[in-house]
Protein backbone atom coordinates (compact mmCIF):
# COMPACT_ATOMS: atom_id res chain seq x y z
CA MET A 1 -16.69 -19.07 11.82
CA SER A 2 -14.87 -17.15 9.03
CA ILE A 3 -13.27 -18.87 6.28
CA TYR A 4 -9.65 -17.38 7.48
CA GLN A 5 -9.91 -19.56 10.47
CA LYS A 6 -9.66 -22.70 8.13
CA TYR A 7 -6.22 -22.07 7.58
CA CYS A 8 -4.62 -20.39 10.19
CA LYS A 9 -3.77 -21.35 13.94
CA GLU A 10 -3.90 -18.18 16.36
CA VAL A 11 -3.51 -17.69 19.83
CA ILE A 12 -5.35 -14.40 21.53
CA GLY A 13 -4.76 -12.80 24.85
CA LYS A 14 -7.08 -11.38 27.29
CA GLN A 15 -7.15 -7.96 25.52
CA GLY A 16 -8.01 -9.30 22.29
CA GLU A 17 -4.25 -9.05 21.11
CA LEU A 18 -2.40 -11.70 18.95
CA LEU A 19 -0.21 -13.69 20.58
CA SER A 20 0.79 -16.22 18.08
CA PHE A 21 -0.25 -16.94 14.77
CA SER A 22 0.82 -19.99 11.92
CA LEU A 23 -0.62 -20.89 8.53
CA ASP A 24 -1.73 -24.24 7.28
CA TYR A 25 -2.82 -24.54 3.89
CA PRO A 26 -2.87 -27.11 0.89
CA ASP A 27 -0.38 -26.80 -1.94
CA THR A 28 -2.98 -26.25 -4.29
CA PHE A 29 -4.59 -23.26 -2.58
CA ASN A 30 -5.68 -20.71 -4.53
CA PHE A 31 -7.76 -17.14 -3.48
CA GLY A 32 -10.55 -17.60 -6.13
CA TYR A 33 -11.49 -20.69 -5.60
CA ASP A 34 -10.80 -21.64 -1.84
CA VAL A 35 -12.17 -18.47 -0.54
CA VAL A 36 -14.42 -16.55 -3.01
CA ASP A 37 -16.15 -19.21 -4.06
CA ALA A 38 -16.06 -20.95 -0.99
CA ILE A 39 -18.02 -18.17 0.68
CA ALA A 40 -20.40 -17.98 -2.19
CA ASN A 41 -21.19 -21.89 -2.07
CA GLU A 42 -21.92 -21.25 1.82
CA THR A 43 -23.63 -17.89 1.61
CA PRO A 44 -23.83 -16.67 -1.75
CA ASP A 45 -26.10 -13.38 -0.57
CA LYS A 46 -22.96 -12.61 1.72
CA ARG A 47 -22.13 -8.80 0.67
CA ALA A 48 -18.45 -8.68 -1.25
CA LEU A 49 -18.14 -5.54 -2.68
CA VAL A 50 -19.94 -1.86 -2.49
CA TRP A 51 -18.97 0.20 -5.25
CA CYS A 52 -20.21 4.05 -6.16
CA SER A 53 -18.54 6.74 -8.24
CA THR A 54 -18.49 10.46 -8.33
CA GLU A 55 -21.30 10.11 -11.36
CA GLY A 56 -23.53 8.75 -8.49
CA GLU A 57 -23.59 5.03 -10.13
CA GLU A 58 -23.82 2.35 -7.69
CA HIS A 59 -23.28 -1.45 -7.59
CA ILE A 60 -23.33 -3.98 -4.83
CA PHE A 61 -21.73 -7.41 -5.54
CA SER A 62 -22.52 -10.60 -3.41
CA PHE A 63 -19.95 -13.31 -3.12
CA GLY A 64 -22.25 -14.99 -5.48
CA ASP A 65 -22.00 -12.36 -7.67
CA MET A 66 -18.19 -12.31 -7.69
CA MET A 67 -18.27 -16.15 -8.21
CA SER A 68 -20.46 -16.03 -11.36
CA LEU A 69 -18.47 -13.10 -12.85
CA SER A 70 -15.12 -14.03 -12.10
CA ASN A 71 -15.88 -17.48 -13.87
CA ARG A 72 -17.47 -15.74 -16.63
CA ALA A 73 -13.77 -13.32 -17.08
CA ALA A 74 -11.80 -16.65 -16.61
CA ASN A 75 -13.57 -17.99 -19.76
CA ILE A 76 -12.77 -14.91 -21.69
CA PHE A 77 -8.99 -14.87 -20.81
CA LEU A 78 -8.99 -18.42 -21.61
CA GLU A 79 -10.73 -18.21 -24.84
CA ALA A 80 -8.05 -15.53 -25.82
CA GLY A 81 -5.13 -18.25 -25.06
CA ILE A 82 -4.42 -16.91 -21.56
CA GLY A 83 -3.55 -19.48 -19.25
CA ARG A 84 -1.29 -20.62 -16.23
CA GLY A 85 1.99 -18.21 -15.91
CA ASP A 86 0.87 -15.86 -18.62
CA ARG A 87 1.25 -12.33 -17.60
CA VAL A 88 -1.83 -9.64 -17.38
CA MET A 89 -1.48 -5.82 -16.68
CA LEU A 90 -4.40 -4.28 -15.36
CA MET A 91 -4.82 -0.37 -15.15
CA LEU A 92 -8.38 0.01 -13.99
CA LYS A 93 -8.05 2.74 -11.62
CA ARG A 94 -10.99 1.81 -8.76
CA HIS A 95 -13.49 0.41 -11.66
CA TYR A 96 -15.07 -2.45 -9.96
CA GLU A 97 -14.36 -4.77 -12.91
CA TYR A 98 -11.01 -4.93 -11.26
CA TRP A 99 -12.22 -7.11 -8.20
CA ILE A 100 -13.75 -9.39 -10.88
CA ILE A 101 -10.75 -9.68 -13.35
CA ALA A 102 -8.22 -10.24 -10.46
CA VAL A 103 -10.20 -13.38 -9.28
CA ALA A 104 -10.43 -14.47 -12.69
CA LEU A 105 -6.68 -14.53 -13.21
CA HIS A 106 -6.25 -16.23 -9.89
CA LYS A 107 -8.37 -18.86 -11.31
CA ILE A 108 -6.50 -19.45 -14.07
CA GLY A 109 -3.20 -19.21 -12.53
CA ALA A 110 -2.15 -16.03 -14.77
CA VAL A 111 0.32 -13.39 -13.05
CA MET A 112 -1.71 -10.16 -12.52
CA ILE A 113 0.14 -7.17 -12.95
CA PRO A 114 -1.29 -3.82 -11.33
CA ALA A 115 -0.41 -0.69 -12.68
CA THR A 116 -1.52 2.94 -12.12
CA HIS A 117 -3.73 4.87 -14.55
CA MET A 118 -1.35 7.83 -13.95
CA LEU A 119 1.71 6.08 -15.84
CA THR A 120 3.06 8.02 -18.75
CA ALA A 121 3.70 6.32 -22.29
CA GLU A 122 7.33 5.66 -21.34
CA ASP A 123 6.28 4.30 -18.24
CA ILE A 124 4.42 1.66 -19.91
CA VAL A 125 6.83 1.25 -22.30
CA TYR A 126 9.33 0.06 -19.49
CA ARG A 127 6.73 -2.28 -17.84
CA LEU A 128 5.65 -3.85 -21.30
CA LYS A 129 9.14 -4.60 -22.13
CA MET A 130 10.11 -5.96 -18.61
CA THR A 131 7.09 -8.29 -18.35
CA ASN A 132 6.06 -9.18 -22.31
CA VAL A 133 2.32 -9.33 -20.98
CA LYS A 134 -0.17 -11.54 -22.87
CA GLY A 135 -3.12 -8.99 -22.18
CA VAL A 136 -3.54 -5.58 -20.65
CA VAL A 137 -7.18 -4.73 -19.27
CA CYS A 138 -7.32 -0.80 -18.99
CA THR A 139 -9.69 2.02 -17.95
CA PRO A 140 -11.05 3.99 -21.09
CA PHE A 141 -10.42 7.19 -19.50
CA ASN A 142 -7.32 9.61 -18.76
CA GLU A 143 -6.16 8.86 -22.09
CA VAL A 144 -5.08 5.47 -21.22
CA PRO A 145 -5.81 3.54 -24.20
CA GLU A 146 -4.03 6.02 -26.23
CA LYS A 147 -0.79 6.15 -24.17
CA LEU A 148 -0.78 2.32 -24.44
CA ILE A 149 -1.35 2.26 -28.14
CA ALA A 150 1.71 4.39 -28.45
CA ALA A 151 3.65 2.21 -25.83
CA LEU A 152 3.07 -0.75 -27.89
CA GLY A 153 4.35 1.09 -30.84
CA GLU A 154 7.42 1.27 -29.35
CA THR A 155 8.01 -2.40 -28.22
CA ASP A 156 7.49 -5.45 -30.25
CA VAL A 157 5.30 -7.03 -27.61
CA ASP A 158 2.22 -8.76 -29.15
CA CYS A 159 -0.59 -8.69 -26.63
CA ARG A 160 -4.42 -8.58 -26.42
CA LEU A 161 -6.20 -5.32 -25.40
CA TRP A 162 -9.24 -5.03 -23.48
CA THR A 163 -11.26 -1.89 -22.00
CA VAL A 164 -14.03 -1.69 -19.54
CA GLN A 165 -17.35 0.15 -19.43
CA ARG A 166 -17.06 2.14 -22.91
CA ASP A 167 -16.05 0.86 -26.37
CA VAL A 168 -12.61 2.06 -27.49
CA ILE A 169 -10.92 1.57 -31.17
CA GLY A 170 -8.28 -1.19 -31.26
CA PHE A 171 -9.74 -2.81 -27.66
CA ASP A 172 -12.42 -5.35 -27.09
CA ASN A 173 -14.62 -4.17 -24.19
CA PHE A 174 -14.55 -6.40 -21.21
CA THR A 175 -17.85 -5.29 -19.71
CA SER A 176 -19.84 -6.38 -22.49
CA LEU A 177 -18.18 -9.37 -23.17
CA LEU A 178 -19.27 -10.63 -19.39
CA GLY A 179 -22.89 -11.08 -20.65
CA SER A 180 -21.76 -13.32 -23.36
CA VAL A 181 -19.90 -15.83 -22.14
CA SER A 182 -20.45 -19.10 -19.76
CA GLU A 183 -20.20 -19.21 -16.47
CA GLU A 184 -19.36 -22.93 -15.84
CA LEU A 185 -15.67 -23.19 -15.26
CA GLU A 186 -13.92 -26.27 -13.73
CA ARG A 187 -11.08 -25.77 -11.41
CA ILE A 188 -7.89 -24.99 -12.96
CA GLU A 189 -4.64 -26.25 -11.02
CA THR A 190 -2.33 -24.15 -9.55
CA ARG A 191 0.26 -24.46 -7.10
CA VAL A 192 0.97 -22.11 -3.89
CA THR A 193 4.36 -21.92 -5.13
CA ASP A 194 3.13 -20.25 -8.72
CA PRO A 195 3.69 -16.36 -9.14
CA MET A 196 0.39 -14.65 -8.57
CA VAL A 197 0.83 -11.07 -8.53
CA MET A 198 3.49 -8.54 -9.65
CA TYR A 199 4.14 -4.96 -8.43
CA PHE A 200 6.53 -2.31 -9.73
CA THR A 201 7.81 -0.42 -6.56
CA SER A 202 7.66 3.32 -7.14
CA GLY A 203 11.34 3.76 -5.74
CA THR A 204 12.47 7.27 -4.87
CA THR A 205 15.57 6.55 -6.96
CA GLY A 206 16.39 4.12 -10.04
CA TYR A 207 13.70 2.39 -12.17
CA PRO A 208 11.11 0.53 -10.53
CA LYS A 209 11.61 -3.19 -9.50
CA GLY A 210 9.13 -5.80 -10.51
CA VAL A 211 8.31 -7.65 -6.97
CA ILE A 212 6.78 -11.28 -7.50
CA HIS A 213 4.56 -12.90 -4.66
CA ASP A 214 3.37 -16.32 -4.93
CA PHE A 215 -0.27 -17.79 -4.19
CA SER A 216 0.21 -17.99 -0.65
CA TYR A 217 0.15 -14.08 -0.47
CA PRO A 218 -3.33 -13.79 0.32
CA LEU A 219 -3.25 -15.55 3.58
CA ALA A 220 -0.65 -13.57 5.06
CA HIS A 221 -2.70 -10.46 4.63
CA ILE A 222 -5.17 -11.99 7.32
CA ILE A 223 -3.39 -10.27 9.96
CA THR A 224 -3.28 -6.95 7.86
CA ALA A 225 -7.06 -6.74 7.98
CA ARG A 226 -8.08 -8.42 11.55
CA TYR A 227 -5.64 -7.55 13.66
CA TRP A 228 -4.53 -4.00 12.11
CA GLN A 229 -7.28 -2.51 10.11
CA GLN A 230 -9.86 -4.30 12.12
CA ALA A 231 -12.14 -5.17 9.52
CA GLU A 232 -14.87 -7.36 10.69
CA ASP A 233 -17.12 -9.86 9.73
CA ASP A 234 -20.12 -8.64 7.78
CA GLY A 235 -18.37 -5.27 8.29
CA LEU A 236 -17.37 -2.61 5.76
CA HIS A 237 -14.03 -1.75 5.15
CA PHE A 238 -12.68 1.12 3.07
CA THR A 239 -8.99 1.57 2.02
CA VAL A 240 -8.68 4.48 0.17
CA ALA A 241 -5.90 3.14 -2.25
CA GLU A 242 -5.72 2.91 -6.13
CA THR A 243 -5.76 -0.60 -7.67
CA GLY A 244 -2.46 0.17 -9.52
CA TRP A 245 -0.63 -0.17 -5.85
CA ALA A 246 0.15 -2.88 -3.60
CA LYS A 247 -1.86 -0.80 -0.80
CA ALA A 248 -5.06 -2.40 -2.58
CA SER A 249 -3.93 -5.85 -1.76
CA TRP A 250 -3.64 -4.81 1.90
CA GLY A 251 -6.74 -3.38 2.02
CA LYS A 252 -9.35 -3.83 -0.87
CA ILE A 253 -9.85 -7.48 -1.27
CA TYR A 254 -7.54 -10.41 0.32
CA GLY A 255 -7.38 -10.27 4.24
CA GLN A 256 -11.04 -8.24 4.15
CA TRP A 257 -12.73 -10.99 2.07
CA LEU A 258 -10.90 -13.59 4.24
CA VAL A 259 -12.44 -12.24 7.56
CA GLY A 260 -15.71 -12.07 6.04
CA SER A 261 -15.74 -8.18 5.29
CA ALA A 262 -17.25 -6.65 2.52
CA VAL A 263 -14.91 -3.80 0.84
CA MET A 264 -16.03 -0.15 -0.07
CA VAL A 265 -14.75 1.42 -3.20
CA PHE A 266 -15.35 4.68 -4.23
CA ASP A 267 -14.38 5.60 -7.71
CA PHE A 268 -13.08 8.85 -7.77
CA ASP A 269 -10.19 11.08 -9.61
CA ASN A 270 -9.79 14.19 -7.58
CA PHE A 271 -9.30 13.70 -3.35
CA ASP A 272 -11.91 15.63 -1.39
CA PRO A 273 -12.20 15.20 2.40
CA LYS A 274 -15.54 16.15 2.39
CA GLN A 275 -16.41 13.13 -0.30
CA LEU A 276 -14.75 10.64 1.68
CA THR A 277 -16.52 11.29 5.03
CA SER A 278 -19.46 11.63 3.15
CA ILE A 279 -19.15 7.99 1.62
CA ILE A 280 -18.39 6.79 5.35
CA ASN A 281 -21.41 7.88 6.72
CA ARG A 282 -23.89 7.12 3.70
CA TYR A 283 -22.96 3.37 3.22
CA GLY A 284 -21.84 3.03 7.44
CA VAL A 285 -18.19 2.33 6.90
CA THR A 286 -16.92 0.57 9.97
CA SER A 287 -12.90 0.32 9.32
CA PHE A 288 -10.92 3.08 7.49
CA CYS A 289 -7.51 3.28 6.08
CA ALA A 290 -5.88 5.65 4.20
CA PRO A 291 -2.13 7.47 4.07
CA PRO A 292 -1.10 10.17 5.83
CA THR A 293 -1.69 12.75 3.08
CA VAL A 294 -5.39 12.04 3.58
CA TYR A 295 -5.45 12.61 7.31
CA ARG A 296 -3.30 15.94 6.91
CA TYR A 297 -5.91 17.33 4.39
CA LEU A 298 -8.95 16.01 6.62
CA VAL A 299 -7.06 17.57 10.01
CA LYS A 300 -6.48 20.88 8.09
CA LYS A 301 -9.95 21.26 6.49
CA GLY A 302 -11.83 19.95 9.79
CA VAL A 303 -12.99 16.48 10.54
CA PRO A 304 -16.68 15.89 10.31
CA ALA A 305 -18.43 13.25 12.55
CA MET A 306 -18.63 9.77 11.52
CA PRO A 307 -20.73 8.01 14.13
CA LYS A 308 -20.58 4.48 12.63
CA LEU A 309 -16.61 4.45 12.13
CA LYS A 310 -14.94 2.12 14.67
CA HIS A 311 -11.61 2.06 13.65
CA ALA A 312 -9.00 4.38 11.42
CA SER A 313 -5.34 3.06 10.26
CA THR A 314 -2.83 4.81 8.23
CA ALA A 315 0.27 3.63 6.33
CA GLY A 316 2.56 4.69 3.39
CA GLU A 317 4.46 7.23 5.48
CA LEU A 318 4.68 7.78 9.12
CA LEU A 319 2.36 9.70 10.58
CA HIS A 320 3.18 13.13 12.29
CA PRO A 321 1.93 13.15 16.10
CA GLU A 322 0.42 16.49 15.40
CA ILE A 323 -2.13 15.01 12.89
CA PHE A 324 -2.74 11.92 15.29
CA ARG A 325 -3.62 14.32 18.30
CA ARG A 326 -6.08 16.23 16.19
CA PHE A 327 -7.66 13.63 14.67
CA THR A 328 -7.99 11.72 17.46
CA GLU A 329 -9.57 14.63 19.59
CA SER A 330 -11.87 15.54 16.48
CA THR A 331 -13.09 11.72 16.45
CA GLY A 332 -12.41 9.61 19.35
CA LEU A 333 -10.71 7.23 17.66
CA ASP A 334 -7.01 6.50 17.84
CA LEU A 335 -5.05 6.06 14.70
CA CYS A 336 -3.32 2.98 14.20
CA GLU A 337 -0.20 3.36 12.08
CA GLY A 338 1.49 0.09 10.17
CA TYR A 339 4.62 -0.82 8.44
CA GLY A 340 5.61 -2.93 5.50
CA GLN A 341 6.76 -2.76 1.91
CA THR A 342 5.92 -3.99 -1.51
CA GLU A 343 8.09 -6.83 -0.91
CA THR A 344 6.17 -7.88 2.34
CA THR A 345 2.81 -8.00 3.94
CA LEU A 346 2.43 -6.18 7.40
CA LEU A 347 5.39 -6.13 9.31
CA MET A 348 4.74 -4.12 12.29
CA ALA A 349 1.96 -2.20 13.66
CA ASN A 350 -0.19 -0.86 16.64
CA PHE A 351 -2.32 -3.74 16.45
CA LYS A 352 -6.02 -4.84 18.00
CA GLY A 353 -5.88 -4.97 21.81
CA CYS A 354 -2.84 -2.78 22.31
CA LYS A 355 -2.91 1.07 22.98
CA PRO A 356 -1.33 2.82 20.11
CA VAL A 357 1.79 4.48 20.71
CA GLU A 358 1.78 8.24 19.23
CA GLY A 359 4.43 8.23 16.50
CA SER A 360 5.39 4.34 16.67
CA MET A 361 5.12 1.88 14.39
CA GLY A 362 4.11 -0.25 16.77
CA ARG A 363 5.27 -3.78 17.41
CA PRO A 364 6.27 -6.86 15.14
CA SER A 365 3.79 -9.22 13.66
CA PRO A 366 3.92 -12.47 15.52
CA PHE A 367 3.81 -13.70 12.05
CA TYR A 368 7.53 -12.58 11.39
CA LYS A 369 10.61 -12.91 13.15
CA ILE A 370 12.18 -9.21 13.02
CA GLU A 371 15.06 -7.48 14.69
CA VAL A 372 16.85 -4.17 14.52
CA ARG A 373 20.54 -5.06 13.16
CA LYS A 374 23.55 -2.77 13.34
CA LYS A 375 26.09 -2.69 10.34
CA ASP A 376 28.23 -5.41 11.67
CA GLY A 377 24.99 -7.62 11.55
CA ASN A 378 24.91 -8.19 15.36
CA LYS A 379 21.39 -6.88 16.95
CA ALA A 380 21.32 -3.55 18.32
CA GLU A 381 20.85 -2.81 21.80
CA ILE A 382 17.28 -1.05 22.90
CA GLY A 383 17.35 2.44 21.87
CA GLU A 384 20.31 1.77 19.30
CA ILE A 385 19.48 2.62 15.55
CA GLY A 386 20.12 0.01 13.10
CA GLU A 387 18.43 -1.41 10.06
CA VAL A 388 15.07 -3.16 10.23
CA VAL A 389 15.64 -6.77 8.93
CA ILE A 390 13.38 -9.92 8.57
CA ILE A 391 14.88 -13.60 9.90
CA PRO A 392 12.97 -16.16 7.44
CA PRO A 393 12.34 -19.87 8.62
CA ALA A 394 15.47 -21.82 8.17
CA ASP A 395 13.55 -24.60 6.54
CA SER A 396 10.97 -22.99 4.35
CA HIS A 397 9.75 -19.86 2.56
CA GLN A 398 8.09 -16.97 4.71
CA VAL A 399 4.78 -16.47 3.26
CA GLY A 400 4.06 -12.96 2.84
CA LEU A 401 7.53 -12.34 1.82
CA PHE A 402 8.33 -11.95 -1.92
CA THR A 403 9.62 -14.71 -3.73
CA ALA A 404 11.95 -12.84 -6.39
CA TYR A 405 12.64 -9.57 -8.21
CA LEU A 406 11.62 -9.72 -11.89
CA ASP A 407 14.66 -11.00 -14.03
CA ASP A 408 17.03 -9.96 -11.22
CA ASP A 409 18.54 -12.58 -9.24
CA ASP A 410 21.68 -10.74 -8.24
CA ARG A 411 19.40 -8.09 -6.49
CA TYR A 412 17.31 -10.76 -5.00
CA ARG A 413 20.18 -12.46 -3.44
CA ASN A 414 21.70 -9.32 -2.17
CA ALA A 415 18.46 -8.48 -0.33
CA PHE A 416 18.93 -11.57 1.59
CA GLU A 417 22.50 -11.18 2.15
CA GLY A 418 23.46 -12.96 5.66
CA GLY A 419 20.23 -14.80 5.46
CA VAL A 420 17.94 -11.86 6.45
CA TYR A 421 15.91 -9.71 4.21
CA HIS A 422 16.89 -6.23 4.28
CA THR A 423 14.41 -3.46 4.17
CA GLY A 424 16.71 -0.63 3.99
CA ASP A 425 14.91 0.91 6.91
CA ALA A 426 16.40 2.49 10.07
CA ALA A 427 14.63 2.46 13.21
CA TRP A 428 15.21 1.75 17.34
CA GLN A 429 13.09 -0.40 19.44
CA ASP A 430 12.07 1.18 23.01
CA GLU A 431 12.02 -1.04 26.30
CA GLU A 432 8.41 -1.78 25.78
CA GLY A 433 8.96 -3.59 22.10
CA ASN A 434 7.71 -0.76 20.20
CA PHE A 435 9.77 0.47 17.10
CA TRP A 436 10.21 3.89 16.04
CA PHE A 437 11.00 4.63 12.61
CA TYR A 438 14.24 6.66 11.73
CA GLY A 439 14.44 7.08 7.97
CA ARG A 440 15.92 5.36 4.80
CA PHE A 441 19.43 4.74 5.15
CA ASP A 442 19.51 7.14 2.03
CA ASP A 443 17.52 9.74 3.62
CA ILE A 444 20.01 9.87 7.02
CA ILE A 445 21.39 13.33 7.30
CA LYS A 446 24.93 13.51 8.65
CA THR A 447 25.55 16.82 10.00
CA GLY A 448 28.39 18.06 12.17
CA GLY A 449 29.42 14.42 13.02
CA PHE A 450 25.76 13.49 14.07
CA ARG A 451 23.28 11.07 12.15
CA VAL A 452 19.88 13.02 12.16
CA GLY A 453 16.45 11.37 10.74
CA PRO A 454 14.57 13.89 8.66
CA PHE A 455 10.95 12.38 10.16
CA GLU A 456 12.13 13.86 13.51
CA ILE A 457 12.61 17.34 12.35
CA GLU A 458 9.65 16.93 9.99
CA ASN A 459 7.48 15.87 12.81
CA VAL A 460 8.07 19.25 14.42
CA LEU A 461 7.58 21.21 11.67
CA MET A 462 4.03 19.90 10.72
CA GLU A 463 3.20 21.21 14.19
CA HIS A 464 3.11 24.84 12.79
CA PRO A 465 -0.17 25.88 11.42
CA ALA A 466 1.67 27.19 8.38
CA VAL A 467 2.81 24.04 7.39
CA LEU A 468 0.80 21.89 5.21
CA GLU A 469 3.56 19.37 3.79
CA CYS A 470 7.20 19.46 4.41
CA SER A 471 10.43 17.45 3.47
CA VAL A 472 13.58 17.93 4.87
CA ILE A 473 16.84 16.87 3.21
CA GLY A 474 20.74 17.27 4.10
CA ILE A 475 22.44 19.85 1.72
CA PRO A 476 26.24 20.42 1.45
CA ASP A 477 27.77 22.34 4.06
CA LYS A 478 31.58 23.25 4.35
CA LEU A 479 31.18 23.50 8.10
CA ARG A 480 29.13 20.56 8.81
CA GLY A 481 29.30 18.15 6.17
CA GLN A 482 25.62 18.42 5.60
CA ALA A 483 23.16 21.25 7.16
CA ILE A 484 19.90 20.44 7.43
CA LYS A 485 17.23 22.03 4.70
CA ALA A 486 13.41 22.00 5.12
CA TYR A 487 11.37 22.61 1.98
CA ILE A 488 7.73 23.56 2.87
CA HIS A 489 4.36 23.65 1.02
CA PRO A 490 2.44 26.19 3.10
CA ALA A 491 -1.28 25.69 4.37
CA GLN A 492 -3.70 27.66 2.56
CA GLY A 493 -3.85 31.39 3.43
CA CYS A 494 -0.27 31.47 4.33
CA GLU A 495 1.91 33.58 2.24
CA PRO A 496 5.63 32.46 2.05
CA THR A 497 7.13 35.48 3.24
CA LYS A 498 10.47 35.99 4.71
CA SER A 499 8.86 36.78 8.09
CA LEU A 500 7.32 33.10 7.77
CA GLU A 501 10.25 31.74 7.17
CA ILE A 502 11.99 33.26 10.17
CA GLU A 503 9.14 32.43 12.47
CA ILE A 504 8.82 28.80 11.27
CA ARG A 505 12.40 28.02 11.55
CA GLU A 506 12.75 29.72 15.26
CA PHE A 507 9.41 27.85 15.68
CA CYS A 508 11.24 24.23 14.85
CA ASN A 509 15.12 25.23 15.93
CA SER A 510 13.40 26.26 19.77
CA ARG A 511 12.13 22.60 19.83
CA LEU A 512 15.43 20.76 18.69
CA ALA A 513 18.66 19.94 19.87
CA GLU A 514 21.01 22.59 18.17
CA TYR A 515 22.74 19.97 15.80
CA LYS A 516 19.38 19.40 14.54
CA TRP A 517 18.62 22.62 13.45
CA VAL A 518 16.84 23.54 10.16
CA ARG A 519 19.56 25.89 8.56
CA SER A 520 17.30 26.87 5.44
CA ILE A 521 14.03 26.88 4.44
CA GLU A 522 12.41 27.09 1.08
CA PHE A 523 8.67 27.71 0.11
CA VAL A 524 7.16 25.31 -2.81
CA ASN A 525 3.77 25.02 -4.43
CA ALA A 526 4.17 21.00 -4.18
CA LEU A 527 6.74 18.50 -3.40
CA PRO A 528 8.00 16.51 -6.05
CA LYS A 529 6.39 12.98 -5.59
CA THR A 530 6.42 9.30 -7.39
CA ILE A 531 3.07 8.63 -8.56
CA SER A 532 2.49 6.39 -5.53
CA GLY A 533 2.65 10.09 -3.69
CA LYS A 534 6.06 8.90 -1.44
CA ILE A 535 8.36 12.29 -1.79
CA ARG A 536 11.37 12.03 -3.91
CA LYS A 537 14.13 13.37 -1.65
CA GLY A 538 16.58 11.76 -3.87
CA GLU A 539 15.79 14.40 -6.50
CA MET A 540 15.61 17.04 -3.94
CA ARG A 541 18.87 16.60 -3.15
CA ALA A 542 19.99 16.25 -6.38
CA LYS A 543 18.65 19.71 -7.11
CA ALA A 544 20.37 21.45 -3.86
CA GLU A 545 23.60 20.00 -4.74
């Protein structure tokens, strides 16, 4: 019996599909004690984390190791005066210390604030001022300590500073300290309603928002790991995400450990598809999850054999059907898309036991009540485009749904206007119950009286072999209101010539209704993206106007 079964009731269909799911947990549930330590006490040698780096370094941690090391890390924080409710920022890339420290912070009831090492000093200033952290643990690489010191110089925040693995002037070495403190730790009381983790959304417009989840959050990721990513007991799951993003919570710790799977971590800076696939084969990875960008590059470069891999999934952006088809042809594995937000856990997916529908977000998780609603608040008909909303329980908080925006109660209330959570994403549902992404409402193009979702145009463009990446926006047009423009990053070896532009436009438009035709194409060396890899359509629109 996996430990996750202690906290939930699930009804499973004949094909292994999840029919219903509910949680049952105490008010004092704490992932550190009730999952990590509980597994360690029962099976201390069970594999928890397999870590390697591009330099050839390797560490394999058992749950017994994780219990001992997280207790030591907790004592470091407690001796520094950090405790329940205090905020600690982590900028640890894919270093193995992240997992030790995350569990430690959960044990002492502190609020973990993961952040990417790619932040600029200005980005860090914003986060420091917003959160008033009491401590920061960061990588010693990529000039992060220098940027942090510069950022602190522009604030009045007074906090403890640690790095890992190396000594840096002005910082204590957390990794070294782990060997000098006690591994004994008495359980510290926390409540399931306490804030546990805060993520800053990457957002394509405006400043990032602080999104807060409570201590029940890990339990909602049981479905993420077991029924979408199909992580398995004693298996090895590999999600590519860096620890600064919410995707790390989705695929690198909570649900995976709850279902008994070890987590594979490859600490790298520059993406190399050959390196990723070699890691999958070397360590025997059984399930893999990556954003569409990774699969695009794998397909363009050629997908090698991965005989031990049983399941592949993707999220972050919608997967173009051409990439889906070519990956499946090469590996025999279906790519299972999933959908959710930083404010939520997995909302819908191509789940275990259901044949994936190419290009679809799949079906709603039975853990959430989800509808597509029209602007007037009424439920949309089958095939009708509307907004994806979550209807929370009338008498309790919806586990997995965020509990607050940092210092912004008005924004939080607006997000729940009318008693439902508004995702801001447009979609439609087919007769079989599958959801189809249409676009962010801000991204929808209104041309000649028609509403066009950029994704459907991008799908067609991606089928052309000269297109590596693309993004479609609406630009001002006197005749149509907006005309459709495509920005294209050409594939390697393809020269951005006028003849190629004409070829791509004719290729695309011959496959689209006339009102969806691409009117202009601009070749670019790179598409503007947020530091989480999402394309900044707002920035592109601003430049085009």
